[in-house]
C-alpha atoms as a PDB file:
ATOM      1  CA  UNK A   1    -138.786  22.538 278.121  1.00  0.00           C
ATOM      2  CA  UNK A   2    -140.821  21.179 275.205  1.00  0.00           C
ATOM      3  CA  UNK A   3    -142.705  24.470 274.780  1.00  0.00           C
ATOM      4  CA  UNK A   4    -139.529  26.422 273.978  1.00  0.00           C
ATOM      5  CA  UNK A   5    -138.882  24.763 270.587  1.00  0.00           C
ATOM      6  CA  UNK A   6    -142.569  25.127 269.629  1.00  0.00           C
ATOM      7  CA  UNK A   7    -142.487  28.805 270.625  1.00  0.00           C
ATOM      8  CA  UNK A   8    -139.239  29.295 268.718  1.00  0.00           C
ATOM      9  CA  UNK A   9    -140.757  27.627 265.664  1.00  0.00           C
ATOM     10  CA  UNK A  10    -143.864  29.828 265.826  1.00  0.00           C
ATOM     11  CA  UNK A  11    -141.758  33.002 266.149  1.00  0.00           C
ATOM     12  CA  UNK A  12    -139.624  31.954 263.166  1.00  0.00           C
ATOM     13  CA  UNK A  13    -142.639  31.053 261.039  1.00  0.00           C
ATOM     14  CA  UNK A  14    -144.449  34.263 262.001  1.00  0.00           C
ATOM     15  CA  UNK A  15    -141.376  36.352 261.216  1.00  0.00           C
ATOM     16  CA  UNK A  16    -140.965  34.728 257.808  1.00  0.00           C
ATOM     17  CA  UNK A  17    -144.636  35.344 257.002  1.00  0.00           C
ATOM     18  CA  UNK A  18    -144.394  38.992 258.062  1.00  0.00           C
ATOM     19  CA  UNK A  19    -141.223  39.544 256.051  1.00  0.00           C
ATOM     20  CA  UNK A  20    -142.785  37.986 252.956  1.00  0.00           C
ATOM     21  CA  UNK A  21    -145.951  40.055 253.361  1.00  0.00           C
ATOM     22  CA  UNK A  22    -143.944  43.241 253.900  1.00  0.00           C
ATOM     23  CA  UNK A  23    -142.056  42.690 250.649  1.00  0.00           C
ATOM     24  CA  UNK A  24    -144.973  42.960 248.231  1.00  0.00           C
ATOM     25  CA  UNK A  25    -143.844  41.300 245.038  1.00  0.00           C
ATOM     26  CA  UNK A  26    -145.260  44.142 242.966  1.00  0.00           C
ATOM     27  CA  UNK A  27    -147.739  42.103 240.969  1.00  0.00           C
ATOM     28  CA  UNK A  28    -150.590  43.861 242.743  1.00  0.00           C
ATOM     29  CA  UNK A  29    -153.353  42.788 240.389  1.00  0.00           C
ATOM     30  CA  UNK A  30    -154.789  39.371 239.806  1.00  0.00           C
ATOM     31  CA  UNK A  31    -155.511  40.316 236.215  1.00  0.00           C
ATOM     32  CA  UNK A  32    -153.684  38.698 233.348  1.00  0.00           C
ATOM     33  CA  UNK A  33    -153.139  42.095 231.734  1.00  0.00           C
ATOM     34  CA  UNK A  34    -151.032  43.277 234.687  1.00  0.00           C
ATOM     35  CA  UNK A  35    -148.951  40.085 234.687  1.00  0.00           C
ATOM     36  CA  UNK A  36    -148.443  40.362 230.913  1.00  0.00           C
ATOM     37  CA  UNK A  37    -147.334  43.999 231.218  1.00  0.00           C
ATOM     38  CA  UNK A  38    -144.772  43.040 233.876  1.00  0.00           C
ATOM     39  CA  UNK A  39    -143.547  40.101 231.779  1.00  0.00           C
ATOM     40  CA  UNK A  40    -143.118  42.443 228.776  1.00  0.00           C
ATOM     41  CA  UNK A  41    -141.113  44.919 230.911  1.00  0.00           C
ATOM     42  CA  UNK A  42    -138.969  42.115 232.316  1.00  0.00           C
ATOM     43  CA  UNK A  43    -138.188  40.636 228.911  1.00  0.00           C
ATOM     44  CA  UNK A  44    -137.398  44.073 227.456  1.00  0.00           C
ATOM     45  CA  UNK A  45    -134.985  44.662 230.344  1.00  0.00           C
ATOM     46  CA  UNK A  46    -133.388  41.223 229.949  1.00  0.00           C
ATOM     47  CA  UNK A  47    -132.871  41.476 226.183  1.00  0.00           C
ATOM     48  CA  UNK A  48    -131.616  45.068 226.242  1.00  0.00           C
ATOM     49  CA  UNK A  49    -129.286  44.575 229.222  1.00  0.00           C
ATOM     50  CA  UNK A  50    -128.027  41.140 228.122  1.00  0.00           C
ATOM     51  CA  UNK A  51    -128.298  41.044 224.302  1.00  0.00           C
ATOM     52  CA  UNK A  52    -126.764  37.555 224.115  1.00  0.00           C
ATOM     53  CA  UNK A  53    -129.966  36.165 225.643  1.00  0.00           C
ATOM     54  CA  UNK A  54    -131.899  37.008 222.455  1.00  0.00           C
ATOM     55  CA  UNK A  55    -130.268  33.961 220.855  1.00  0.00           C
ATOM     56  CA  UNK A  56    -131.563  31.849 223.734  1.00  0.00           C
ATOM     57  CA  UNK A  57    -135.088  33.220 223.182  1.00  0.00           C
ATOM     58  CA  UNK A  58    -134.897  32.395 219.494  1.00  0.00           C
ATOM     59  CA  UNK A  59    -133.872  28.771 220.147  1.00  0.00           C
ATOM     60  CA  UNK A  60    -136.380  28.067 222.940  1.00  0.00           C
ATOM     61  CA  UNK A  61    -139.697  26.247 222.510  1.00  0.00           C
ATOM     62  CA  UNK A  62    -141.145  28.441 225.264  1.00  0.00           C
ATOM     63  CA  UNK A  63    -140.203  30.620 228.224  1.00  0.00           C
ATOM     64  CA  UNK A  64    -141.665  30.970 231.707  1.00  0.00           C
ATOM     65  CA  UNK A  65    -141.078  34.495 233.041  1.00  0.00           C
ATOM     66  CA  UNK A  66    -141.425  35.453 236.705  1.00  0.00           C
ATOM     67  CA  UNK A  67    -141.055  39.261 236.663  1.00  0.00           C
ATOM     68  CA  UNK A  68    -140.668  39.676 240.404  1.00  0.00           C
ATOM     69  CA  UNK A  69    -140.109  37.010 243.027  1.00  0.00           C
ATOM     70  CA  UNK A  70    -139.926  38.065 246.655  1.00  0.00           C
ATOM     71  CA  UNK A  71    -137.842  35.954 249.014  1.00  0.00           C
ATOM     72  CA  UNK A  72    -137.753  36.541 252.773  1.00  0.00           C
ATOM     73  CA  UNK A  73    -136.586  34.602 255.760  1.00  0.00           C
ATOM     74  CA  UNK A  74    -135.722  34.607 259.411  1.00  0.00           C
ATOM     75  CA  UNK A  75    -134.717  31.027 260.127  1.00  0.00           C
ATOM     76  CA  UNK A  76    -137.688  29.856 258.088  1.00  0.00           C
ATOM     77  CA  UNK A  77    -138.281  31.539 254.786  1.00  0.00           C
ATOM     78  CA  UNK A  78    -140.064  31.422 251.516  1.00  0.00           C
ATOM     79  CA  UNK A  79    -140.516  33.042 248.164  1.00  0.00           C
ATOM     80  CA  UNK A  80    -143.461  33.852 245.927  1.00  0.00           C
ATOM     81  CA  UNK A  81    -144.062  35.346 242.509  1.00  0.00           C
ATOM     82  CA  UNK A  82    -146.429  35.195 239.556  1.00  0.00           C
ATOM     83  CA  UNK A  83    -145.684  35.157 235.872  1.00  0.00           C
ATOM     84  CA  UNK A  84    -146.564  33.857 232.449  1.00  0.00           C
ATOM     85  CA  UNK A  85    -145.581  31.073 230.093  1.00  0.00           C
ATOM     86  CA  UNK A  86    -144.940  32.356 226.586  1.00  0.00           C
ATOM     87  CA  UNK A  87    -144.833  30.221 223.460  1.00  0.00           C
ATOM     88  CA  UNK A  88    -144.023  31.994 220.214  1.00  0.00           C
ATOM     89  CA  UNK A  89    -144.147  35.336 222.066  1.00  0.00           C
ATOM     90  CA  UNK A  90    -147.762  34.780 223.184  1.00  0.00           C
ATOM     91  CA  UNK A  91    -148.935  34.071 226.729  1.00  0.00           C
ATOM     92  CA  UNK A  92    -150.496  30.604 226.929  1.00  0.00           C
ATOM     93  CA  UNK A  93    -150.792  30.192 230.737  1.00  0.00           C
ATOM     94  CA  UNK A  94    -150.165  31.984 234.028  1.00  0.00           C
ATOM     95  CA  UNK A  95    -148.179  30.459 236.892  1.00  0.00           C
ATOM     96  CA  UNK A  96    -147.237  31.068 240.498  1.00  0.00           C
ATOM     97  CA  UNK A  97    -143.811  30.176 241.877  1.00  0.00           C
ATOM     98  CA  UNK A  98    -143.410  29.250 245.553  1.00  0.00           C
ATOM     99  CA  UNK A  99    -140.643  27.813 247.675  1.00  0.00           C
ATOM    100  CA  UNK A 100    -139.850  27.330 251.328  1.00  0.00           C
ATOM    101  CA  UNK A 101    -136.516  27.190 253.107  1.00  0.00           C
ATOM    102  CA  UNK A 102    -135.224  26.287 256.538  1.00  0.00           C
ATOM    103  CA  UNK A 103    -131.791  27.207 257.818  1.00  0.00           C
ATOM    104  CA  UNK A 104    -129.494  30.005 258.762  1.00  0.00           C
ATOM    105  CA  UNK A 105    -130.992  32.990 256.914  1.00  0.00           C
ATOM    106  CA  UNK A 106    -132.249  36.466 257.610  1.00  0.00           C
ATOM    107  CA  UNK A 107    -133.379  39.210 255.274  1.00  0.00           C
ATOM    108  CA  UNK A 108    -135.368  39.789 252.133  1.00  0.00           C
ATOM    109  CA  UNK A 109    -134.637  40.043 248.430  1.00  0.00           C
ATOM    110  CA  UNK A 110    -136.376  40.384 245.113  1.00  0.00           C
ATOM    111  CA  UNK A 111    -135.306  39.057 241.750  1.00  0.00           C
ATOM    112  CA  UNK A 112    -136.626  38.066 238.350  1.00  0.00           C
ATOM    113  CA  UNK A 113    -136.133  34.796 236.595  1.00  0.00           C
ATOM    114  CA  UNK A 114    -136.904  33.156 233.311  1.00  0.00           C
ATOM    115  CA  UNK A 115    -136.869  29.466 232.474  1.00  0.00           C
ATOM    116  CA  UNK A 116    -136.251  28.687 228.830  1.00  0.00           C
ATOM    117  CA  UNK A 117    -137.566  25.322 227.664  1.00  0.00           C
ATOM    118  CA  UNK A 118    -135.122  24.352 224.950  1.00  0.00           C
ATOM    119  CA  UNK A 119    -137.012  21.320 223.669  1.00  0.00           C
ATOM    120  CA  UNK A 120    -140.661  20.649 222.877  1.00  0.00           C
ATOM    121  CA  UNK A 121    -140.540  17.663 225.255  1.00  0.00           C
ATOM    122  CA  UNK A 122    -139.314  19.828 228.158  1.00  0.00           C
ATOM    123  CA  UNK A 123    -142.065  22.375 227.463  1.00  0.00           C
ATOM    124  CA  UNK A 124    -144.773  19.708 227.221  1.00  0.00           C
ATOM    125  CA  UNK A 125    -143.558  17.987 230.413  1.00  0.00           C
ATOM    126  CA  UNK A 126    -143.840  21.327 232.212  1.00  0.00           C
ATOM    127  CA  UNK A 127    -147.311  22.068 230.858  1.00  0.00           C
ATOM    128  CA  UNK A 128    -148.674  18.574 231.612  1.00  0.00           C
ATOM    129  CA  UNK A 129    -147.398  18.458 235.183  1.00  0.00           C
ATOM    130  CA  UNK A 130    -149.884  19.402 237.936  1.00  0.00           C
ATOM    131  CA  UNK A 131    -147.120  21.153 239.908  1.00  0.00           C
ATOM    132  CA  UNK A 132    -143.668  21.274 238.317  1.00  0.00           C
ATOM    133  CA  UNK A 133    -140.664  21.647 240.620  1.00  0.00           C
ATOM    134  CA  UNK A 134    -137.422  23.083 239.268  1.00  0.00           C
ATOM    135  CA  UNK A 135    -134.631  20.634 239.866  1.00  0.00           C
ATOM    136  CA  UNK A 136    -132.011  18.569 238.139  1.00  0.00           C
ATOM    137  CA  UNK A 137    -133.432  19.090 234.630  1.00  0.00           C
ATOM    138  CA  UNK A 138    -132.574  22.797 234.601  1.00  0.00           C
ATOM    139  CA  UNK A 139    -129.221  24.409 233.903  1.00  0.00           C
ATOM    140  CA  UNK A 140    -128.820  27.489 236.140  1.00  0.00           C
ATOM    141  CA  UNK A 141    -127.244  30.731 234.977  1.00  0.00           C
ATOM    142  CA  UNK A 142    -126.799  33.378 237.667  1.00  0.00           C
ATOM    143  CA  UNK A 143    -126.004  37.026 237.135  1.00  0.00           C
ATOM    144  CA  UNK A 144    -123.935  38.420 239.950  1.00  0.00           C
ATOM    145  CA  UNK A 145    -121.966  41.668 240.014  1.00  0.00           C
ATOM    146  CA  UNK A 146    -122.912  42.673 236.479  1.00  0.00           C
ATOM    147  CA  UNK A 147    -121.503  39.585 234.783  1.00  0.00           C
ATOM    148  CA  UNK A 148    -122.783  38.937 231.287  1.00  0.00           C
ATOM    149  CA  UNK A 149    -125.614  36.457 230.766  1.00  0.00           C
ATOM    150  CA  UNK A 150    -125.302  34.541 227.540  1.00  0.00           C
ATOM    151  CA  UNK A 151    -126.553  31.438 225.809  1.00  0.00           C
ATOM    152  CA  UNK A 152    -123.523  29.368 224.962  1.00  0.00           C
ATOM    153  CA  UNK A 153    -123.962  26.582 222.432  1.00  0.00           C
ATOM    154  CA  UNK A 154    -123.153  23.884 224.998  1.00  0.00           C
ATOM    155  CA  UNK A 155    -125.510  25.338 227.598  1.00  0.00           C
ATOM    156  CA  UNK A 156    -128.413  25.600 225.193  1.00  0.00           C
ATOM    157  CA  UNK A 157    -128.381  21.800 224.762  1.00  0.00           C
ATOM    158  CA  UNK A 158    -129.935  21.462 228.244  1.00  0.00           C
ATOM    159  CA  UNK A 159    -133.692  20.771 228.282  1.00  0.00           C
ATOM    160  CA  UNK A 160    -134.331  23.823 230.517  1.00  0.00           C
ATOM    161  CA  UNK A 161    -132.210  26.869 231.269  1.00  0.00           C
ATOM    162  CA  UNK A 162    -133.008  29.136 234.213  1.00  0.00           C
ATOM    163  CA  UNK A 163    -131.724  32.737 234.211  1.00  0.00           C
ATOM    164  CA  UNK A 164    -131.804  34.717 237.451  1.00  0.00           C
ATOM    165  CA  UNK A 165    -131.309  38.475 237.142  1.00  0.00           C
ATOM    166  CA  UNK A 166    -132.266  41.856 238.569  1.00  0.00           C
ATOM    167  CA  UNK A 167    -131.425  40.856 242.145  1.00  0.00           C
ATOM    168  CA  UNK A 168    -131.938  43.401 244.905  1.00  0.00           C
ATOM    169  CA  UNK A 169    -132.060  42.999 248.646  1.00  0.00           C
ATOM    170  CA  UNK A 170    -130.197  41.682 251.628  1.00  0.00           C
ATOM    171  CA  UNK A 171    -130.467  37.899 251.477  1.00  0.00           C
ATOM    172  CA  UNK A 172    -128.161  35.459 249.758  1.00  0.00           C
ATOM    173  CA  UNK A 173    -129.042  32.559 247.550  1.00  0.00           C
ATOM    174  CA  UNK A 174    -131.471  33.555 244.795  1.00  0.00           C
ATOM    175  CA  UNK A 175    -132.246  30.303 243.034  1.00  0.00           C
ATOM    176  CA  UNK A 176    -135.111  28.525 241.363  1.00  0.00           C
ATOM    177  CA  UNK A 177    -133.991  25.089 242.547  1.00  0.00           C
ATOM    178  CA  UNK A 178    -136.767  23.612 244.658  1.00  0.00           C
ATOM    179  CA  UNK A 179    -139.306  26.184 243.466  1.00  0.00           C
ATOM    180  CA  UNK A 180    -142.729  24.760 242.659  1.00  0.00           C
ATOM    181  CA  UNK A 181    -144.719  26.169 239.757  1.00  0.00           C
ATOM    182  CA  UNK A 182    -148.500  25.893 239.595  1.00  0.00           C
ATOM    183  CA  UNK A 183    -150.891  27.059 236.903  1.00  0.00           C
ATOM    184  CA  UNK A 184    -153.147  29.876 238.107  1.00  0.00           C
ATOM    185  CA  UNK A 185    -156.164  31.740 236.796  1.00  0.00           C
ATOM    186  CA  UNK A 186    -155.427  35.456 237.218  1.00  0.00           C
END
């Protein structure tokens, strides 16, 4: 009887790995130039589709942009993406975003997200940390069913604001909560 749970766990873990691998996150190159091009496209899309977010950009000390995060799961799941940290419109570092989940889930999805660091302290805390995990310090703004994303005055007082947009796929729960960010060398 004890081998059944282990077998079930292995099937779930294997399925999650296969689903994640099958959903290539589109950042096919390790080069910084490819990541920067995708970040530029993502920001152009965000600011043209949701013009109110330009005000958020203008107030932020820096922004971390993950152009395409792939999330997949079958009992066990995970997500992965790569992006860039921009300060003053210039890339200063590259990061990966990873998370793992356990629970009732099946499917795959892709989405983009941006984390705006609204204070210098929030930006410096992120840059100094060896592996920053999104959590209680971030205010989350989700775009579902074409709702408008905007930077309200009260919201922009938060140290970090996470915008999730461009969702596609068949899995619920796109979030950055619990996602770990690590600096990478592309």
